[in-house]
Amino acid sequence: MAKKKRVTRKELDAIERAAKREAQKAAGALDGRFRPRVVKSKKGYSRKKLPPKEED
């Protein structure tokens, strides 16, 4: 007889994540209405734009 395969902790975590994701899908979390709010970092340097040159 073949030995029974043990379920590892990694596989258990994957099963739990899949179940959680399915619940989120059923709740409508992935239909585009729920977007994370992103705050722009103030650490980056942004250059000031020069006014357009006027030519006659």
Protein backbone atom coordinates (compact mmCIF):
# COMPACT_ATOMS: atom_id res chain seq x y z
CA MET A 1 0.00 0.00 0.00
CA ALA A 2 1.09 3.51 -0.71
CA LYS A 3 1.80 5.87 2.14
CA LYS A 4 -0.56 8.77 2.77
CA LYS A 5 0.88 12.11 1.74
CA ARG A 6 1.17 14.63 4.53
CA VAL A 7 -0.14 18.14 3.96
CA THR A 8 2.64 20.63 4.65
CA ARG A 9 2.24 24.00 6.31
CA LYS A 10 3.00 25.73 3.01
CA GLU A 11 0.14 23.87 1.30
CA LEU A 12 -2.23 24.68 4.17
CA ASP A 13 -1.39 28.39 3.87
CA ALA A 14 -2.01 28.25 0.11
CA ILE A 15 -5.41 26.61 0.66
CA GLU A 16 -6.36 29.27 3.23
CA ARG A 17 -5.26 32.10 0.89
CA ALA A 18 -7.28 30.61 -1.97
CA ALA A 19 -10.38 30.36 0.23
CA LYS A 20 -9.94 33.96 1.41
CA ARG A 21 -9.55 35.17 -2.17
CA GLU A 22 -12.70 33.35 -3.27
CA ALA A 23 -14.60 35.03 -0.43
CA GLN A 24 -13.27 38.42 -1.53
CA LYS A 25 -14.32 37.72 -5.13
CA ALA A 26 -17.81 36.78 -3.96
CA ALA A 27 -17.99 40.03 -1.98
CA GLY A 28 -17.06 42.04 -5.09
CA ALA A 29 -13.63 43.18 -3.96
CA LEU A 30 -12.07 42.64 -7.42
CA ASP A 31 -14.71 44.26 -9.62
CA GLY A 32 -12.97 47.65 -9.80
CA ARG A 33 -14.98 49.53 -7.18
CA PHE A 34 -12.41 49.08 -4.43
CA ARG A 35 -9.14 50.81 -5.30
CA PRO A 36 -6.42 51.53 -2.78
CA ARG A 37 -5.85 55.20 -2.14
CA VAL A 38 -2.30 56.19 -3.01
CA VAL A 39 -0.60 59.21 -1.50
CA LYS A 40 2.29 60.54 -3.60
CA SER A 41 5.65 60.51 -1.85
CA LYS A 42 7.02 63.97 -1.07
CA LYS A 43 10.59 62.67 -1.03
CA GLY A 44 10.99 62.77 -4.80
CA TYR A 45 12.21 65.99 -6.42
CA SER A 46 9.94 67.44 -9.08
CA ARG A 47 11.22 70.12 -11.41
CA LYS A 48 9.21 73.23 -12.10
CA LYS A 49 7.91 73.47 -15.65
CA LEU A 50 9.19 76.39 -17.70
CA PRO A 51 6.66 78.62 -19.39
CA PRO A 52 6.35 78.11 -23.16
CA LYS A 53 8.61 80.30 -25.31
CA GLU A 54 6.82 83.00 -27.27
CA GLU A 55 8.07 83.49 -30.83
CA ASP A 56 6.89 86.29 -33.14
